[in-house]
Amino acid sequence: MEEIHPQLKEFIVDYCTRYKIRKVDPCALNLETSIDLDLDIFDIEIDLFIAEFAETFRIDHSKFTWYKYGYPTGSASVRVIKAVFGHTSPWVNRLSNRLYKPKFRVSNLQDAVKSGKLV
């Protein structure tokens, strides 16, 4: 399995810490980590995240559109389940994936870092 680019991992952890989104364990991040479901970055926050990501890594995001992925809006039921039962339990993550299909993953960011374009 391919590893996450160290600077990308650092950027995600720093972003979540700086904006107090959620405490992220750097060791738990992998390419299948969902930005909207696992990290709870969605709605307006995802646009700010993409803009800061593009600026930090000097990525061309002029042709980026949410049509390919679907705009991440989050899920109230998933937030309630995670608040009651915790974020780290494996069955909570499986149930969350059934209730809300993740739309944007770390692998998409990794591809952008490699190619220099976010599409």
N, C-alpha and C. Protein backbone atom coordinates (compact mmCIF):
# COMPACT_ATOMS: atom_id res chain seq x y z
N MET A 1 0.84 -1.19 0.00
CA MET A 1 0.00 0.00 0.00
C MET A 1 0.88 1.25 0.00
N GLU A 2 0.50 2.19 -0.79
CA GLU A 2 1.24 3.43 -0.92
C GLU A 2 1.06 4.29 0.33
N GLU A 3 2.12 4.96 0.70
CA GLU A 3 2.10 5.83 1.87
C GLU A 3 1.69 7.25 1.48
N ILE A 4 1.14 7.97 2.45
CA ILE A 4 0.79 9.37 2.24
C ILE A 4 2.07 10.20 2.24
N HIS A 5 2.11 11.16 1.36
CA HIS A 5 3.24 12.10 1.30
C HIS A 5 3.35 12.76 2.68
N PRO A 6 4.54 12.77 3.29
CA PRO A 6 4.70 13.31 4.65
C PRO A 6 4.22 14.76 4.81
N GLN A 7 4.48 15.60 3.81
CA GLN A 7 4.03 17.00 3.91
C GLN A 7 2.51 17.09 3.84
N LEU A 8 1.89 16.21 3.09
CA LEU A 8 0.42 16.19 3.00
C LEU A 8 -0.17 15.77 4.33
N LYS A 9 0.41 14.75 4.94
CA LYS A 9 -0.05 14.29 6.25
C LYS A 9 0.07 15.41 7.28
N GLU A 10 1.22 16.10 7.25
CA GLU A 10 1.46 17.21 8.16
C GLU A 10 0.46 18.34 7.93
N PHE A 11 0.16 18.62 6.65
CA PHE A 11 -0.80 19.67 6.32
C PHE A 11 -2.18 19.34 6.88
N ILE A 12 -2.64 18.11 6.71
CA ILE A 12 -3.97 17.71 7.17
C ILE A 12 -4.06 17.81 8.69
N VAL A 13 -3.07 17.28 9.38
CA VAL A 13 -3.08 17.33 10.85
C VAL A 13 -3.03 18.77 11.33
N ASP A 14 -2.16 19.58 10.74
CA ASP A 14 -2.03 20.99 11.12
C ASP A 14 -3.33 21.75 10.85
N TYR A 15 -3.96 21.50 9.70
CA TYR A 15 -5.20 22.19 9.36
C TYR A 15 -6.29 21.85 10.38
N CYS A 16 -6.45 20.58 10.69
CA CYS A 16 -7.49 20.16 11.64
C CYS A 16 -7.22 20.70 13.03
N THR A 17 -5.96 20.78 13.42
CA THR A 17 -5.61 21.32 14.73
C THR A 17 -5.82 22.83 14.78
N ARG A 18 -5.36 23.52 13.74
CA ARG A 18 -5.46 24.98 13.70
C ARG A 18 -6.91 25.47 13.72
N TYR A 19 -7.77 24.80 12.98
CA TYR A 19 -9.17 25.23 12.91
C TYR A 19 -10.07 24.46 13.87
N LYS A 20 -9.45 23.67 14.76
CA LYS A 20 -10.16 22.93 15.80
C LYS A 20 -11.33 22.11 15.23
N ILE A 21 -11.05 21.44 14.13
CA ILE A 21 -12.07 20.60 13.49
C ILE A 21 -12.21 19.30 14.26
N ARG A 22 -11.10 18.60 14.39
CA ARG A 22 -11.08 17.34 15.11
C ARG A 22 -9.64 16.95 15.35
N LYS A 23 -9.36 16.31 16.47
CA LYS A 23 -8.01 15.84 16.73
C LYS A 23 -7.75 14.64 15.82
N VAL A 24 -6.69 14.76 15.02
CA VAL A 24 -6.37 13.73 14.05
C VAL A 24 -5.07 13.04 14.44
N ASP A 25 -5.11 11.72 14.47
CA ASP A 25 -3.91 10.93 14.73
C ASP A 25 -3.18 10.74 13.41
N PRO A 26 -1.96 11.26 13.28
CA PRO A 26 -1.23 11.15 12.02
C PRO A 26 -1.01 9.69 11.59
N CYS A 27 -0.87 8.79 12.55
CA CYS A 27 -0.67 7.38 12.21
C CYS A 27 -1.93 6.73 11.65
N ALA A 28 -3.08 7.29 11.97
CA ALA A 28 -4.34 6.71 11.49
C ALA A 28 -4.70 7.18 10.08
N LEU A 29 -4.03 8.22 9.60
CA LEU A 29 -4.31 8.70 8.24
C LEU A 29 -3.78 7.72 7.21
N ASN A 30 -4.60 7.45 6.20
CA ASN A 30 -4.16 6.65 5.06
C ASN A 30 -4.83 7.20 3.81
N LEU A 31 -4.54 6.62 2.67
CA LEU A 31 -5.08 7.13 1.41
C LEU A 31 -6.60 6.98 1.31
N GLU A 32 -7.18 6.06 2.08
CA GLU A 32 -8.62 5.85 2.05
C GLU A 32 -9.37 6.70 3.07
N THR A 33 -8.65 7.51 3.83
CA THR A 33 -9.30 8.40 4.79
C THR A 33 -10.14 9.41 4.03
N SER A 34 -11.38 9.52 4.43
CA SER A 34 -12.31 10.43 3.78
C SER A 34 -12.22 11.81 4.42
N ILE A 35 -12.07 12.83 3.59
CA ILE A 35 -11.99 14.20 4.10
C ILE A 35 -13.31 14.61 4.72
N ASP A 36 -14.42 14.26 4.08
CA ASP A 36 -15.73 14.69 4.57
C ASP A 36 -16.27 13.80 5.69
N LEU A 37 -16.09 12.50 5.62
CA LEU A 37 -16.67 11.62 6.64
C LEU A 37 -15.74 11.41 7.83
N ASP A 38 -14.49 11.08 7.59
CA ASP A 38 -13.57 10.77 8.68
C ASP A 38 -13.02 12.01 9.38
N LEU A 39 -12.76 13.06 8.62
CA LEU A 39 -12.19 14.27 9.20
C LEU A 39 -13.23 15.34 9.51
N ASP A 40 -14.46 15.13 9.09
CA ASP A 40 -15.56 16.07 9.33
C ASP A 40 -15.32 17.45 8.72
N ILE A 41 -14.74 17.48 7.53
CA ILE A 41 -14.57 18.73 6.81
C ILE A 41 -15.54 18.70 5.64
N PHE A 42 -16.56 19.55 5.70
CA PHE A 42 -17.56 19.58 4.63
C PHE A 42 -18.19 20.96 4.59
N ASP A 43 -19.12 21.14 3.67
CA ASP A 43 -19.79 22.42 3.41
C ASP A 43 -18.76 23.50 3.09
N ILE A 44 -18.87 24.65 3.70
CA ILE A 44 -17.98 25.78 3.39
C ILE A 44 -16.54 25.46 3.80
N GLU A 45 -16.37 24.70 4.86
CA GLU A 45 -15.03 24.35 5.32
C GLU A 45 -14.23 23.61 4.26
N ILE A 46 -14.90 22.77 3.46
CA ILE A 46 -14.18 22.00 2.44
C ILE A 46 -13.64 22.93 1.36
N ASP A 47 -14.36 23.98 1.03
CA ASP A 47 -13.87 24.94 0.05
C ASP A 47 -12.64 25.69 0.58
N LEU A 48 -12.67 26.05 1.86
CA LEU A 48 -11.51 26.69 2.48
C LEU A 48 -10.33 25.73 2.55
N PHE A 49 -10.62 24.48 2.86
CA PHE A 49 -9.57 23.45 2.91
C PHE A 49 -8.91 23.29 1.55
N ILE A 50 -9.71 23.20 0.48
CA ILE A 50 -9.18 23.04 -0.88
C ILE A 50 -8.33 24.26 -1.27
N ALA A 51 -8.82 25.45 -0.94
CA ALA A 51 -8.08 26.67 -1.29
C ALA A 51 -6.73 26.72 -0.57
N GLU A 52 -6.73 26.39 0.71
CA GLU A 52 -5.48 26.41 1.47
C GLU A 52 -4.54 25.29 1.00
N PHE A 53 -5.10 24.14 0.67
CA PHE A 53 -4.31 23.03 0.14
C PHE A 53 -3.62 23.44 -1.16
N ALA A 54 -4.39 24.05 -2.05
CA ALA A 54 -3.85 24.46 -3.35
C ALA A 54 -2.76 25.52 -3.17
N GLU A 55 -2.96 26.42 -2.24
CA GLU A 55 -1.96 27.47 -2.00
C GLU A 55 -0.69 26.90 -1.38
N THR A 56 -0.86 26.00 -0.42
CA THR A 56 0.30 25.42 0.27
C THR A 56 1.16 24.59 -0.66
N PHE A 57 0.53 23.77 -1.49
CA PHE A 57 1.28 22.86 -2.36
C PHE A 57 1.45 23.40 -3.78
N ARG A 58 1.01 24.63 -4.01
CA ARG A 58 1.09 25.27 -5.33
C ARG A 58 0.45 24.38 -6.40
N ILE A 59 -0.79 24.00 -6.13
CA ILE A 59 -1.57 23.13 -7.01
C ILE A 59 -2.49 24.00 -7.86
N ASP A 60 -2.58 23.66 -9.12
CA ASP A 60 -3.52 24.35 -10.02
C ASP A 60 -4.91 23.72 -9.80
N HIS A 61 -5.81 24.50 -9.22
CA HIS A 61 -7.17 23.99 -8.99
C HIS A 61 -8.21 24.79 -9.79
N SER A 62 -7.75 25.43 -10.87
CA SER A 62 -8.66 26.24 -11.68
C SER A 62 -9.71 25.39 -12.39
N LYS A 63 -9.40 24.15 -12.71
CA LYS A 63 -10.36 23.29 -13.40
C LYS A 63 -11.08 22.35 -12.45
N PHE A 64 -10.85 22.51 -11.14
CA PHE A 64 -11.50 21.65 -10.16
C PHE A 64 -12.98 21.96 -10.07
N THR A 65 -13.79 20.93 -10.02
CA THR A 65 -15.23 21.08 -9.86
C THR A 65 -15.75 19.94 -8.98
N TRP A 66 -16.81 20.22 -8.26
CA TRP A 66 -17.38 19.20 -7.37
C TRP A 66 -18.28 18.22 -8.13
N TYR A 67 -18.52 18.46 -9.41
CA TYR A 67 -19.39 17.56 -10.17
C TYR A 67 -18.85 16.14 -10.21
N LYS A 68 -17.55 16.00 -10.22
CA LYS A 68 -16.93 14.67 -10.29
C LYS A 68 -17.15 13.90 -8.99
N TYR A 69 -17.12 14.58 -7.86
CA TYR A 69 -17.18 13.92 -6.56
C TYR A 69 -18.54 14.04 -5.89
N GLY A 70 -19.27 15.08 -6.19
CA GLY A 70 -20.48 15.39 -5.45
C GLY A 70 -20.09 16.26 -4.28
N TYR A 71 -20.81 17.33 -4.06
CA TYR A 71 -20.44 18.28 -3.01
C TYR A 71 -20.66 17.65 -1.64
N PRO A 72 -19.64 17.59 -0.78
CA PRO A 72 -19.78 16.98 0.54
C PRO A 72 -20.60 17.86 1.48
N THR A 73 -21.72 17.35 1.93
CA THR A 73 -22.60 18.11 2.80
C THR A 73 -22.64 17.59 4.23
N GLY A 74 -22.07 16.42 4.47
CA GLY A 74 -22.11 15.84 5.81
C GLY A 74 -23.44 15.18 6.08
N SER A 75 -23.59 14.61 7.26
CA SER A 75 -24.80 13.90 7.62
C SER A 75 -25.07 14.09 9.10
N ALA A 76 -26.27 14.55 9.41
CA ALA A 76 -26.65 14.77 10.81
C ALA A 76 -26.69 13.45 11.57
N SER A 77 -27.21 12.40 10.95
CA SER A 77 -27.30 11.11 11.64
C SER A 77 -25.91 10.55 11.95
N VAL A 78 -24.96 10.72 11.04
CA VAL A 78 -23.60 10.26 11.29
C VAL A 78 -22.97 11.06 12.43
N ARG A 79 -23.21 12.36 12.48
CA ARG A 79 -22.66 13.18 13.56
C ARG A 79 -23.20 12.73 14.91
N VAL A 80 -24.50 12.39 14.97
CA VAL A 80 -25.10 11.93 16.22
C VAL A 80 -24.50 10.59 16.65
N ILE A 81 -24.38 9.67 15.71
CA ILE A 81 -23.82 8.35 16.03
C ILE A 81 -22.39 8.49 16.52
N LYS A 82 -21.59 9.31 15.86
CA LYS A 82 -20.20 9.49 16.27
C LYS A 82 -20.10 10.22 17.61
N ALA A 83 -21.01 11.13 17.88
CA ALA A 83 -20.99 11.84 19.16
C ALA A 83 -21.34 10.90 20.31
N VAL A 84 -22.28 10.01 20.08
CA VAL A 84 -22.72 9.10 21.14
C VAL A 84 -21.73 7.95 21.35
N PHE A 85 -21.27 7.34 20.26
CA PHE A 85 -20.46 6.13 20.36
C PHE A 85 -18.97 6.33 20.10
N GLY A 86 -18.56 7.51 19.72
CA GLY A 86 -17.15 7.78 19.51
C GLY A 86 -16.75 7.64 18.05
N HIS A 87 -15.62 8.26 17.71
CA HIS A 87 -15.12 8.28 16.33
C HIS A 87 -14.26 7.08 15.99
N THR A 88 -13.71 6.43 16.99
CA THR A 88 -12.67 5.43 16.71
C THR A 88 -13.18 4.00 16.59
N SER A 89 -14.37 3.73 17.00
CA SER A 89 -14.89 2.37 16.96
C SER A 89 -15.07 1.89 15.51
N PRO A 90 -14.58 0.69 15.18
CA PRO A 90 -14.69 0.19 13.80
C PRO A 90 -16.14 0.04 13.32
N TRP A 91 -17.05 -0.40 14.20
CA TRP A 91 -18.43 -0.58 13.76
C TRP A 91 -19.11 0.75 13.51
N VAL A 92 -18.70 1.79 14.23
CA VAL A 92 -19.25 3.13 13.98
C VAL A 92 -18.81 3.61 12.61
N ASN A 93 -17.57 3.36 12.24
CA ASN A 93 -17.08 3.75 10.92
C ASN A 93 -17.80 2.99 9.81
N ARG A 94 -18.04 1.69 10.00
CA ARG A 94 -18.76 0.91 8.98
C ARG A 94 -20.19 1.41 8.83
N LEU A 95 -20.86 1.67 9.95
CA LEU A 95 -22.23 2.18 9.90
C LEU A 95 -22.27 3.56 9.26
N SER A 96 -21.30 4.39 9.57
CA SER A 96 -21.23 5.73 8.98
C SER A 96 -21.06 5.66 7.47
N ASN A 97 -20.24 4.71 7.01
CA ASN A 97 -20.04 4.54 5.56
C ASN A 97 -21.31 4.06 4.86
N ARG A 98 -22.16 3.36 5.57
CA ARG A 98 -23.43 2.93 4.97
C ARG A 98 -24.45 4.06 4.91
N LEU A 99 -24.41 4.92 5.94
CA LEU A 99 -25.38 6.02 5.99
C LEU A 99 -24.99 7.18 5.07
N TYR A 100 -23.70 7.39 4.92
CA TYR A 100 -23.21 8.52 4.13
C TYR A 100 -22.02 8.06 3.32
N LYS A 101 -22.13 8.14 2.02
CA LYS A 101 -21.04 7.72 1.14
C LYS A 101 -19.99 8.82 1.06
N PRO A 102 -18.75 8.52 1.47
CA PRO A 102 -17.67 9.51 1.39
C PRO A 102 -17.45 9.95 -0.05
N LYS A 103 -17.15 11.22 -0.23
CA LYS A 103 -17.04 11.77 -1.56
C LYS A 103 -15.61 12.18 -1.93
N PHE A 104 -14.81 12.54 -0.96
CA PHE A 104 -13.49 13.10 -1.25
C PHE A 104 -12.49 12.47 -0.29
N ARG A 105 -11.47 11.86 -0.81
CA ARG A 105 -10.51 11.12 0.00
C ARG A 105 -9.10 11.72 -0.08
N VAL A 106 -8.25 11.31 0.84
CA VAL A 106 -6.87 11.76 0.87
C VAL A 106 -6.15 11.35 -0.42
N SER A 107 -6.55 10.25 -1.01
CA SER A 107 -5.91 9.80 -2.26
C SER A 107 -6.09 10.83 -3.38
N ASN A 108 -7.22 11.55 -3.38
CA ASN A 108 -7.42 12.61 -4.37
C ASN A 108 -6.41 13.74 -4.17
N LEU A 109 -6.12 14.07 -2.93
CA LEU A 109 -5.12 15.10 -2.62
C LEU A 109 -3.72 14.62 -2.98
N GLN A 110 -3.45 13.35 -2.71
CA GLN A 110 -2.14 12.77 -3.02
C GLN A 110 -1.90 12.82 -4.53
N ASP A 111 -2.92 12.49 -5.31
CA ASP A 111 -2.81 12.55 -6.77
C ASP A 111 -2.53 13.97 -7.24
N ALA A 112 -3.16 14.94 -6.58
CA ALA A 112 -2.95 16.34 -6.94
C ALA A 112 -1.53 16.78 -6.62
N VAL A 113 -1.00 16.32 -5.50
CA VAL A 113 0.38 16.68 -5.12
C VAL A 113 1.35 16.11 -6.17
N LYS A 114 1.10 14.90 -6.63
CA LYS A 114 1.98 14.27 -7.61
C LYS A 114 1.90 14.94 -8.98
N SER A 115 0.66 15.25 -9.41
CA SER A 115 0.48 15.78 -10.77
C SER A 115 0.57 17.30 -10.84
N GLY A 116 0.33 17.98 -9.71
CA GLY A 116 0.36 19.43 -9.70
C GLY A 116 -0.98 20.05 -10.09
N LYS A 117 -2.00 19.20 -10.31
CA LYS A 117 -3.33 19.69 -10.68
C LYS A 117 -4.40 18.93 -9.89
N LEU A 118 -5.36 19.67 -9.42
CA LEU A 118 -6.51 19.08 -8.74
C LEU A 118 -7.68 19.12 -9.70
N VAL A 119 -8.08 17.96 -10.17
CA VAL A 119 -9.20 17.86 -11.12
C VAL A 119 -10.25 16.94 -10.60
